[in-house]
């Protein structure tokens, strides 16, 4: 399981001036899925975590025992 900090994801998206729908398209997700990630209602798969890190360039993917965490660098 991958945990995305809702604040980090939201702040990074806003810094790029993307809507949730636009970010979703870039990640291969729906805008509703992005909303649930930002609200902390869903966890993200590892492939999506890697796409986030690639897109934002300043997110770090870290293994945390049972899962992975995305954090701002």
Protein backbone atom coordinates (compact mmCIF):
# COMPACT_ATOMS: atom_id res chain seq x y z
CA UNK A 1 0.00 0.00 0.00
CA UNK A 2 1.16 3.54 -0.74
CA UNK A 3 0.18 6.47 1.42
CA UNK A 4 0.02 9.89 -0.19
CA UNK A 5 0.00 12.91 2.06
CA UNK A 6 -3.20 14.71 0.97
CA UNK A 7 -1.64 18.11 1.70
CA UNK A 8 1.50 17.33 -0.34
CA UNK A 9 -0.52 16.08 -3.30
CA UNK A 10 -2.95 19.00 -3.22
CA UNK A 11 -0.18 21.59 -2.84
CA UNK A 12 1.88 20.10 -5.66
CA UNK A 13 -1.19 19.99 -7.95
CA UNK A 14 -2.06 23.59 -7.17
CA UNK A 15 1.53 24.72 -7.72
CA UNK A 16 1.25 23.37 -11.27
CA UNK A 17 -2.15 25.08 -11.61
CA UNK A 18 -3.87 21.80 -12.43
CA UNK A 19 -7.45 20.86 -11.68
CA UNK A 20 -8.13 17.47 -10.15
CA UNK A 21 -9.42 16.31 -13.54
CA UNK A 22 -6.24 17.50 -15.31
CA UNK A 23 -4.00 15.79 -12.77
CA UNK A 24 -6.12 12.67 -13.08
CA UNK A 25 -5.62 12.59 -16.85
CA UNK A 26 -1.86 12.91 -16.43
CA UNK A 27 -1.83 10.06 -13.91
CA UNK A 28 -4.33 7.85 -15.73
CA UNK A 29 -6.99 8.39 -13.05
CA UNK A 30 -10.35 10.12 -12.86
CA UNK A 31 -10.72 13.52 -11.24
CA UNK A 32 -12.89 11.85 -8.61
CA UNK A 33 -10.06 9.46 -7.77
CA UNK A 34 -7.67 12.41 -7.33
CA UNK A 35 -10.25 14.05 -5.04
CA UNK A 36 -10.36 10.89 -2.89
CA UNK A 37 -6.55 10.78 -2.72
CA UNK A 38 -6.39 14.43 -1.66
CA UNK A 39 -9.14 13.90 0.90
CA UNK A 40 -7.28 10.92 2.38
CA UNK A 41 -10.13 8.57 1.47
CA UNK A 42 -8.05 6.32 -0.81
CA UNK A 43 -4.57 4.94 -0.95
CA UNK A 44 -2.61 4.98 -4.18
CA UNK A 45 -0.96 2.05 -5.91
CA UNK A 46 2.80 1.99 -6.20
CA UNK A 47 2.71 2.61 -9.99
CA UNK A 48 0.60 5.74 -9.44
CA UNK A 49 2.98 6.85 -6.68
CA UNK A 50 5.86 6.57 -9.12
CA UNK A 51 3.94 8.56 -11.76
CA UNK A 52 3.30 11.27 -9.12
CA UNK A 53 6.99 11.38 -8.26
CA UNK A 54 7.89 11.60 -11.94
CA UNK A 55 5.33 14.32 -12.67
CA UNK A 56 6.09 16.50 -9.66
CA UNK A 57 9.81 15.78 -9.58
CA UNK A 58 10.06 16.79 -5.93
CA UNK A 59 8.19 13.96 -4.25
CA UNK A 60 10.12 11.20 -2.57
CA UNK A 61 8.85 7.61 -2.53
CA UNK A 62 9.92 5.93 0.72
CA UNK A 63 9.39 2.38 1.94
CA UNK A 64 7.84 2.40 5.43
CA UNK A 65 7.76 -1.17 6.70
CA UNK A 66 4.44 -2.33 5.25
CA UNK A 67 4.03 0.24 2.49
CA UNK A 68 5.28 3.32 0.75
CA UNK A 69 4.92 7.02 1.50
CA UNK A 70 5.08 9.99 -0.86
CA UNK A 71 6.44 13.12 0.78
CA UNK A 72 7.57 16.52 -0.45
CA UNK A 73 11.32 17.05 -0.62
